[in-house]
Amino acid sequence: MSWEAWGDPEDPPELPDGWLCEEEAEDLQRNVGDLAMLVAKLARALRKAAPEHDLPARAMDYLQREGLCGSPLREAPNA
């Protein structure tokens, strides 16, 4: 499917203010954190099982670039 079907990628449609309630946003944030943790665990397991693969390093690099490669226990509390 091409971008033409969805419109111009440089001009995405505007979403109304408050399109997610706070509870929904927290659920999504928790899901992203859970998925990031699962990807990190899978990367560690693959690195141990098949050290010649570059996929674990690529997965961890992606998580780090996106700010998803940390422990919530190590984060500083909001001031």
Protein backbone atom coordinates (compact mmCIF):
# COMPACT_ATOMS: atom_id res chain seq x y z
CA MET A 1 0.00 0.00 0.00
CA SER A 2 1.40 3.40 -0.92
CA TRP A 3 1.43 6.62 1.02
CA GLU A 4 -1.05 8.09 -1.42
CA ALA A 5 -3.76 5.96 0.19
CA TRP A 6 -3.09 7.61 3.55
CA GLY A 7 -2.27 11.12 2.38
CA ASP A 8 0.97 13.07 2.47
CA PRO A 9 3.42 11.59 5.04
CA GLU A 10 4.85 15.08 5.58
CA ASP A 11 1.40 16.37 6.56
CA PRO A 12 -0.23 13.79 8.84
CA PRO A 13 -3.84 14.29 9.90
CA GLU A 14 -4.31 16.26 13.10
CA LEU A 15 -5.67 14.43 16.10
CA PRO A 16 -8.10 16.15 18.44
CA ASP A 17 -6.79 17.31 21.81
CA GLY A 18 -7.21 14.68 24.49
CA TRP A 19 -7.74 11.82 22.07
CA LEU A 20 -6.28 9.50 24.73
CA CYS A 21 -7.40 9.68 28.31
CA GLU A 22 -4.69 9.53 30.98
CA GLU A 23 -5.47 5.90 31.82
CA GLU A 24 -5.16 4.83 28.18
CA ALA A 25 -1.87 6.69 27.83
CA GLU A 26 -0.50 4.98 30.95
CA ASP A 27 -1.60 1.58 29.62
CA LEU A 28 0.16 2.23 26.31
CA GLN A 29 3.31 3.40 28.08
CA ARG A 30 3.29 0.26 30.24
CA ASN A 31 2.82 -1.93 27.15
CA VAL A 32 5.76 -0.27 25.39
CA GLY A 33 7.93 -0.83 28.47
CA ASP A 34 6.87 -4.48 28.68
CA LEU A 35 7.60 -5.05 25.01
CA ALA A 36 11.00 -3.35 25.30
CA MET A 37 11.87 -5.60 28.25
CA LEU A 38 10.79 -8.67 26.28
CA VAL A 39 12.90 -7.63 23.26
CA ALA A 40 15.93 -7.16 25.54
CA LYS A 41 15.41 -10.61 27.09
CA LEU A 42 15.08 -12.21 23.66
CA ALA A 43 18.21 -10.42 22.46
CA ARG A 44 20.19 -11.71 25.45
CA ALA A 45 18.93 -15.25 24.87
CA LEU A 46 19.80 -15.14 21.17
CA ARG A 47 23.25 -13.71 21.93
CA LYS A 48 23.89 -16.63 24.27
CA ALA A 49 22.49 -19.27 21.88
CA ALA A 50 24.01 -17.90 18.67
CA PRO A 51 26.81 -15.42 19.34
CA GLU A 52 27.59 -15.06 15.61
CA HIS A 53 24.27 -13.27 14.91
CA ASP A 54 24.25 -9.47 14.77
CA LEU A 55 20.51 -9.22 15.52
CA PRO A 56 20.89 -8.96 19.34
CA ALA A 57 23.26 -5.99 18.99
CA ARG A 58 20.92 -4.34 16.48
CA ALA A 59 17.90 -4.84 18.76
CA MET A 60 19.69 -3.42 21.79
CA ASP A 61 21.00 -0.49 19.72
CA TYR A 62 17.44 0.30 18.64
CA LEU A 63 16.14 0.17 22.21
CA GLN A 64 18.95 2.45 23.36
CA ARG A 65 18.38 4.96 20.54
CA GLU A 66 14.67 5.09 21.39
CA GLY A 67 15.31 5.52 25.13
CA LEU A 68 13.78 2.13 25.96
CA CYS A 69 16.88 0.39 27.27
CA GLY A 70 16.73 1.27 30.94
CA SER A 71 15.46 -0.12 34.17
CA PRO A 72 12.58 1.74 35.83
CA LEU A 73 14.27 0.91 39.13
CA ARG A 74 17.35 2.90 38.11
CA GLU A 75 15.56 6.00 36.88
CA ALA A 76 15.77 9.12 39.00
CA PRO A 77 12.43 10.18 40.51
CA ASN A 78 10.72 13.19 38.94
CA ALA A 79 11.63 16.36 40.77
